C-alpha cells in the first residue's frame, strides 16, 4: 500500500527522496547510484520510484510507446543543482533500507498524493 510516512530521523521512509543504488531495467546486475522516491514498505524492504532531472514532457508520446510514464515532482534538495525532477510511475524498485546512502529531502504531501494516483493508474 502506498503511504506517506516521512520522519525527521536517520532512517529512510516513504515520502522521502533518497540516494541508493538502482539496477538498470535491462540488466539487473548493473546499475547506478541515483535518487529514488520512496512510496511504500514491503516487509523489511522499501519500495521506490526512479527520479530523474531529464525532462520527459518533450518526448511523452515516445516514452509512453516504450512503456515508460513520468510525473513532475518539482525541485528539491535531492538535486544539488536545483533542477526540476520527474519520477517514473510504472517501475517500482525494491530497496534494502541498509543500502540507502543518504536521505535527500521530504517530498510535499500533495505532490506525493499526485504521484500515488499516477502509480495506481499506470502500474
N, C-alpha and C. Protein backbone atom coordinates (compact mmCIF):
# COMPACT_ATOMS: atom_id res chain seq x y z
N UNK A 1 0.83 -1.17 0.00
CA UNK A 1 0.00 0.00 0.00
C UNK A 1 0.89 1.25 0.00
N UNK A 2 0.59 2.18 -0.88
CA UNK A 2 1.32 3.43 -0.95
C UNK A 2 0.95 4.27 0.26
N UNK A 3 1.97 4.78 0.94
CA UNK A 3 1.72 5.51 2.19
C UNK A 3 2.75 6.63 2.34
N UNK A 4 2.29 7.75 2.85
CA UNK A 4 3.16 8.90 3.10
C UNK A 4 3.52 8.90 4.59
N UNK A 5 4.78 8.57 4.91
CA UNK A 5 5.22 8.47 6.31
C UNK A 5 6.62 9.02 6.53
N UNK A 6 6.92 10.20 6.02
CA UNK A 6 8.28 10.72 6.26
C UNK A 6 8.49 11.01 7.74
N UNK A 7 9.73 10.86 8.17
CA UNK A 7 10.08 11.12 9.56
C UNK A 7 11.42 11.83 9.58
N UNK A 8 11.56 12.78 10.46
CA UNK A 8 12.82 13.52 10.57
C UNK A 8 13.79 12.73 11.44
N UNK A 9 14.30 11.64 10.87
CA UNK A 9 15.29 10.81 11.55
C UNK A 9 16.32 10.35 10.52
N UNK A 10 17.16 9.45 10.92
CA UNK A 10 18.21 8.98 10.01
C UNK A 10 17.82 7.75 9.22
N UNK A 11 16.57 7.33 9.29
CA UNK A 11 16.09 6.14 8.58
C UNK A 11 15.25 6.56 7.38
N UNK A 12 15.38 5.85 6.26
CA UNK A 12 14.58 6.17 5.07
C UNK A 12 13.12 5.76 5.27
N UNK A 13 12.19 6.60 4.83
CA UNK A 13 10.77 6.36 5.00
C UNK A 13 10.01 6.76 3.73
N UNK A 14 8.84 6.15 3.49
CA UNK A 14 8.01 6.57 2.36
C UNK A 14 7.66 8.05 2.46
N UNK A 15 7.78 8.72 1.31
CA UNK A 15 7.57 10.17 1.27
C UNK A 15 8.87 10.93 1.16
N UNK A 16 9.98 10.21 1.28
CA UNK A 16 11.31 10.83 1.20
C UNK A 16 12.00 10.47 -0.12
N UNK A 17 12.80 11.38 -0.61
CA UNK A 17 13.65 11.09 -1.76
C UNK A 17 15.02 10.77 -1.19
N UNK A 18 15.53 9.59 -1.54
CA UNK A 18 16.81 9.11 -1.02
C UNK A 18 17.75 8.80 -2.18
N UNK A 19 19.01 8.64 -1.84
CA UNK A 19 20.00 8.21 -2.83
C UNK A 19 20.37 6.77 -2.52
N UNK A 20 20.28 5.91 -3.54
CA UNK A 20 20.61 4.50 -3.38
C UNK A 20 20.97 3.91 -4.73
N UNK A 21 21.47 2.69 -4.72
CA UNK A 21 21.83 2.00 -5.95
C UNK A 21 20.56 1.50 -6.61
N UNK A 22 20.42 1.77 -7.92
CA UNK A 22 19.26 1.33 -8.69
C UNK A 22 19.74 0.48 -9.86
N UNK A 23 19.23 -0.76 -9.96
CA UNK A 23 19.64 -1.60 -11.08
C UNK A 23 19.06 -1.10 -12.40
N UNK A 24 19.81 -1.30 -13.48
CA UNK A 24 19.28 -0.97 -14.80
C UNK A 24 18.14 -1.92 -15.12
N UNK A 25 17.17 -1.44 -15.83
CA UNK A 25 16.00 -2.24 -16.18
C UNK A 25 16.38 -3.41 -17.08
N UNK A 26 17.32 -3.18 -17.99
CA UNK A 26 17.69 -4.21 -18.96
C UNK A 26 18.74 -5.19 -18.43
N UNK A 27 19.41 -4.85 -17.33
CA UNK A 27 20.43 -5.73 -16.75
C UNK A 27 20.52 -5.45 -15.25
N UNK A 28 19.85 -6.26 -14.45
CA UNK A 28 19.77 -6.02 -13.00
C UNK A 28 21.10 -6.23 -12.28
N UNK A 29 22.10 -6.77 -12.97
CA UNK A 29 23.42 -6.93 -12.36
C UNK A 29 24.20 -5.62 -12.39
N UNK A 30 23.75 -4.67 -13.21
CA UNK A 30 24.40 -3.38 -13.31
C UNK A 30 23.42 -2.29 -12.90
N UNK A 31 23.93 -1.14 -12.53
CA UNK A 31 23.08 -0.03 -12.13
C UNK A 31 23.92 1.17 -11.76
N UNK A 32 23.28 2.10 -11.05
CA UNK A 32 23.98 3.31 -10.63
C UNK A 32 23.32 3.90 -9.41
N UNK A 33 24.07 4.73 -8.71
CA UNK A 33 23.57 5.44 -7.54
C UNK A 33 22.73 6.61 -8.05
N UNK A 34 21.47 6.68 -7.58
CA UNK A 34 20.59 7.73 -8.08
C UNK A 34 19.49 8.03 -7.08
N UNK A 35 18.76 9.15 -7.27
CA UNK A 35 17.66 9.46 -6.36
C UNK A 35 16.45 8.57 -6.62
N UNK A 36 15.76 8.24 -5.53
CA UNK A 36 14.57 7.38 -5.57
C UNK A 36 13.55 7.98 -4.61
N UNK A 37 12.30 8.07 -5.06
CA UNK A 37 11.20 8.50 -4.20
C UNK A 37 10.61 7.25 -3.55
N UNK A 38 10.71 7.16 -2.23
CA UNK A 38 10.15 6.01 -1.52
C UNK A 38 8.64 6.18 -1.41
N UNK A 39 7.89 5.09 -1.74
CA UNK A 39 6.43 5.18 -1.74
C UNK A 39 5.75 4.18 -0.81
N UNK A 40 6.47 3.16 -0.33
CA UNK A 40 5.81 2.15 0.50
C UNK A 40 6.86 1.25 1.15
N UNK A 41 6.34 0.36 2.00
CA UNK A 41 7.16 -0.69 2.60
C UNK A 41 6.61 -2.03 2.15
N UNK A 42 7.49 -3.01 2.04
CA UNK A 42 7.12 -4.38 1.73
C UNK A 42 7.89 -5.25 2.71
N UNK A 43 7.30 -5.50 3.88
CA UNK A 43 8.03 -6.19 4.94
C UNK A 43 9.19 -5.32 5.39
N UNK A 44 10.39 -5.89 5.35
CA UNK A 44 11.57 -5.12 5.75
C UNK A 44 12.15 -4.30 4.59
N UNK A 45 11.59 -4.43 3.41
CA UNK A 45 12.06 -3.71 2.23
C UNK A 45 11.31 -2.39 2.07
N UNK A 46 11.90 -1.49 1.28
CA UNK A 46 11.25 -0.26 0.86
C UNK A 46 10.94 -0.37 -0.63
N UNK A 47 9.89 0.31 -1.07
CA UNK A 47 9.55 0.37 -2.49
C UNK A 47 9.69 1.81 -2.95
N UNK A 48 10.30 1.99 -4.11
CA UNK A 48 10.57 3.34 -4.57
C UNK A 48 10.46 3.49 -6.07
N UNK A 49 10.49 4.74 -6.50
CA UNK A 49 10.41 5.12 -7.91
C UNK A 49 11.66 5.89 -8.31
N UNK A 50 12.20 5.56 -9.45
CA UNK A 50 13.36 6.26 -10.00
C UNK A 50 13.03 7.73 -10.22
N UNK A 51 13.96 8.61 -9.85
CA UNK A 51 13.82 10.05 -10.04
C UNK A 51 14.90 10.52 -11.01
N UNK A 52 14.53 11.43 -11.89
CA UNK A 52 15.50 11.96 -12.85
C UNK A 52 15.26 13.45 -13.05
N UNK A 53 16.31 14.15 -13.47
CA UNK A 53 16.17 15.56 -13.82
C UNK A 53 15.96 15.72 -15.33
N UNK A 54 15.97 14.62 -16.07
CA UNK A 54 15.69 14.71 -17.51
C UNK A 54 14.21 15.04 -17.71
N UNK A 55 13.94 15.90 -18.67
CA UNK A 55 12.57 16.33 -18.93
C UNK A 55 11.93 15.41 -19.97
N UNK A 56 11.01 14.56 -19.51
CA UNK A 56 10.34 13.63 -20.42
C UNK A 56 9.04 14.19 -20.97
N UNK A 57 8.69 15.41 -20.60
CA UNK A 57 7.49 16.03 -21.17
C UNK A 57 7.65 16.23 -22.67
N UNK A 58 8.87 16.53 -23.11
CA UNK A 58 9.13 16.78 -24.53
C UNK A 58 8.95 15.54 -25.38
N UNK A 59 9.20 14.34 -24.79
CA UNK A 59 9.07 13.09 -25.54
C UNK A 59 8.06 12.15 -24.89
N UNK A 60 7.00 12.74 -24.34
CA UNK A 60 5.97 11.98 -23.61
C UNK A 60 5.40 10.84 -24.45
N UNK A 61 5.05 11.11 -25.72
CA UNK A 61 4.45 10.07 -26.56
C UNK A 61 5.43 8.93 -26.82
N UNK A 62 6.68 9.29 -27.09
CA UNK A 62 7.71 8.27 -27.33
C UNK A 62 7.92 7.43 -26.07
N UNK A 63 7.98 8.07 -24.91
CA UNK A 63 8.14 7.36 -23.65
C UNK A 63 6.96 6.42 -23.40
N UNK A 64 5.75 6.89 -23.66
CA UNK A 64 4.56 6.05 -23.46
C UNK A 64 4.57 4.85 -24.39
N UNK A 65 4.98 5.05 -25.65
CA UNK A 65 5.08 3.91 -26.58
C UNK A 65 6.08 2.88 -26.07
N UNK A 66 7.12 3.35 -25.37
CA UNK A 66 8.13 2.44 -24.82
C UNK A 66 7.71 1.88 -23.46
N UNK A 67 6.52 2.30 -22.97
CA UNK A 67 6.02 1.78 -21.70
C UNK A 67 6.60 2.48 -20.48
N UNK A 68 7.00 3.73 -20.63
CA UNK A 68 7.55 4.49 -19.50
C UNK A 68 6.67 5.71 -19.26
N UNK A 69 6.25 5.90 -18.00
CA UNK A 69 5.37 7.00 -17.64
C UNK A 69 6.00 7.78 -16.48
N UNK A 70 5.96 9.11 -16.60
CA UNK A 70 6.63 10.00 -15.66
C UNK A 70 5.67 11.05 -15.12
N UNK A 71 5.98 11.57 -13.94
CA UNK A 71 5.22 12.67 -13.37
C UNK A 71 6.21 13.69 -12.80
N UNK A 72 5.91 14.96 -13.02
CA UNK A 72 6.75 16.03 -12.47
C UNK A 72 6.60 16.06 -10.95
N UNK A 73 7.74 16.18 -10.24
CA UNK A 73 7.69 16.29 -8.78
C UNK A 73 8.35 17.58 -8.29
N UNK A 74 8.80 18.41 -9.21
CA UNK A 74 9.36 19.70 -8.83
C UNK A 74 10.83 19.64 -8.47
N UNK A 75 11.24 20.65 -7.74
CA UNK A 75 12.64 20.80 -7.33
C UNK A 75 12.76 20.40 -5.87
N UNK A 76 13.93 19.91 -5.50
CA UNK A 76 14.14 19.56 -4.10
C UNK A 76 15.61 19.42 -3.77
N UNK A 77 15.89 19.27 -2.50
CA UNK A 77 17.27 19.17 -2.01
C UNK A 77 17.96 17.90 -2.48
N UNK A 78 17.23 16.96 -3.07
CA UNK A 78 17.85 15.75 -3.59
C UNK A 78 18.73 16.05 -4.80
N UNK A 79 18.50 17.21 -5.47
CA UNK A 79 19.30 17.60 -6.63
C UNK A 79 20.13 18.82 -6.27
N UNK A 80 21.43 18.65 -6.23
CA UNK A 80 22.32 19.72 -5.78
C UNK A 80 22.28 20.94 -6.70
N UNK A 81 21.81 20.75 -7.94
CA UNK A 81 21.72 21.86 -8.88
C UNK A 81 20.33 22.49 -8.90
N UNK A 82 19.40 21.96 -8.10
CA UNK A 82 18.06 22.54 -8.00
C UNK A 82 17.22 22.39 -9.25
N UNK A 83 17.51 21.37 -10.06
CA UNK A 83 16.75 21.17 -11.30
C UNK A 83 15.38 20.54 -11.01
N UNK A 84 14.38 20.83 -11.85
CA UNK A 84 13.09 20.15 -11.72
C UNK A 84 13.28 18.66 -11.99
N UNK A 85 12.51 17.84 -11.31
CA UNK A 85 12.66 16.39 -11.44
C UNK A 85 11.34 15.72 -11.79
N UNK A 86 11.47 14.49 -12.24
CA UNK A 86 10.33 13.64 -12.55
C UNK A 86 10.55 12.28 -11.91
N UNK A 87 9.44 11.59 -11.60
CA UNK A 87 9.51 10.22 -11.07
C UNK A 87 8.83 9.30 -12.07
N UNK A 88 9.43 8.15 -12.29
CA UNK A 88 8.83 7.15 -13.18
C UNK A 88 7.80 6.36 -12.38
N UNK A 89 6.55 6.40 -12.81
CA UNK A 89 5.46 5.86 -12.01
C UNK A 89 5.10 4.41 -12.32
N UNK A 90 5.72 3.80 -13.31
CA UNK A 90 5.35 2.43 -13.63
C UNK A 90 6.50 1.43 -13.51
N UNK A 91 7.51 1.79 -12.74
CA UNK A 91 8.59 0.85 -12.41
C UNK A 91 8.89 1.01 -10.92
N UNK A 92 8.45 0.04 -10.15
CA UNK A 92 8.67 0.07 -8.71
C UNK A 92 9.93 -0.73 -8.39
N UNK A 93 10.81 -0.10 -7.63
CA UNK A 93 12.11 -0.70 -7.30
C UNK A 93 12.09 -1.13 -5.83
N UNK A 94 12.50 -2.35 -5.57
CA UNK A 94 12.58 -2.87 -4.20
C UNK A 94 13.97 -2.56 -3.64
N UNK A 95 14.00 -1.95 -2.45
CA UNK A 95 15.24 -1.42 -1.90
C UNK A 95 15.46 -1.93 -0.48
N UNK A 96 16.67 -2.40 -0.22
CA UNK A 96 17.08 -2.75 1.13
C UNK A 96 17.38 -1.43 1.86
N UNK A 97 16.70 -1.14 2.97
CA UNK A 97 16.93 0.14 3.67
C UNK A 97 18.39 0.37 4.04
N UNK A 98 19.13 -0.70 4.26
CA UNK A 98 20.54 -0.55 4.64
C UNK A 98 21.42 -0.09 3.48
N UNK A 99 20.90 -0.13 2.25
CA UNK A 99 21.69 0.31 1.09
C UNK A 99 21.46 1.77 0.75
N UNK A 100 20.54 2.43 1.45
CA UNK A 100 20.28 3.85 1.20
C UNK A 100 21.49 4.64 1.67
N UNK A 101 22.07 5.40 0.74
CA UNK A 101 23.29 6.16 1.04
C UNK A 101 22.99 7.43 1.81
N UNK A 102 21.92 8.14 1.41
CA UNK A 102 21.55 9.36 2.14
C UNK A 102 20.12 9.73 1.83
N UNK A 103 19.52 10.46 2.74
CA UNK A 103 18.18 10.99 2.54
C UNK A 103 18.33 12.38 1.96
N UNK A 104 17.69 12.62 0.81
CA UNK A 104 17.84 13.89 0.12
C UNK A 104 16.84 14.94 0.54
N UNK A 105 15.59 14.54 0.76
CA UNK A 105 14.54 15.51 1.10
C UNK A 105 13.23 14.80 1.35
N UNK A 106 12.30 15.51 1.95
CA UNK A 106 10.94 15.03 2.12
C UNK A 106 10.10 15.70 1.04
N UNK A 107 9.37 14.89 0.28
CA UNK A 107 8.50 15.41 -0.77
C UNK A 107 7.23 15.97 -0.14
N UNK A 108 6.72 17.05 -0.69
CA UNK A 108 5.47 17.62 -0.19
C UNK A 108 4.35 16.59 -0.33
N UNK A 109 3.46 16.55 0.67
CA UNK A 109 2.41 15.52 0.69
C UNK A 109 1.47 15.63 -0.50
N UNK A 110 1.13 16.83 -0.91
CA UNK A 110 0.23 16.98 -2.05
C UNK A 110 0.84 16.40 -3.33
N UNK A 111 2.12 16.65 -3.54
CA UNK A 111 2.81 16.08 -4.71
C UNK A 111 2.87 14.57 -4.58
N UNK A 112 3.15 14.07 -3.37
CA UNK A 112 3.19 12.63 -3.14
C UNK A 112 1.84 11.99 -3.50
N UNK A 113 0.74 12.61 -3.13
CA UNK A 113 -0.58 12.07 -3.46
C UNK A 113 -0.78 12.02 -4.97
N UNK A 114 -0.30 13.04 -5.69
CA UNK A 114 -0.38 13.03 -7.16
C UNK A 114 0.42 11.87 -7.73
N UNK A 115 1.61 11.64 -7.18
CA UNK A 115 2.45 10.53 -7.62
C UNK A 115 1.73 9.21 -7.36
N UNK A 116 1.18 9.03 -6.18
CA UNK A 116 0.48 7.79 -5.82
C UNK A 116 -0.66 7.52 -6.79
N UNK A 117 -1.41 8.55 -7.14
CA UNK A 117 -2.52 8.40 -8.09
C UNK A 117 -2.01 7.89 -9.44
N UNK A 118 -0.88 8.45 -9.90
CA UNK A 118 -0.32 8.04 -11.18
C UNK A 118 0.27 6.61 -11.13
N UNK A 119 0.85 6.25 -10.00
CA UNK A 119 1.35 4.88 -9.85
C UNK A 119 0.18 3.90 -9.98
N UNK A 120 -0.89 4.17 -9.29
CA UNK A 120 -2.06 3.28 -9.35
C UNK A 120 -2.66 3.24 -10.75
N UNK A 121 -2.55 4.32 -11.47
CA UNK A 121 -3.09 4.39 -12.84
C UNK A 121 -2.24 3.60 -13.83
N UNK A 122 -0.93 3.62 -13.65
CA UNK A 122 -0.03 3.05 -14.66
C UNK A 122 0.64 1.74 -14.27
N UNK A 123 0.57 1.35 -13.04
CA UNK A 123 1.32 0.14 -12.66
C UNK A 123 0.50 -1.10 -12.84
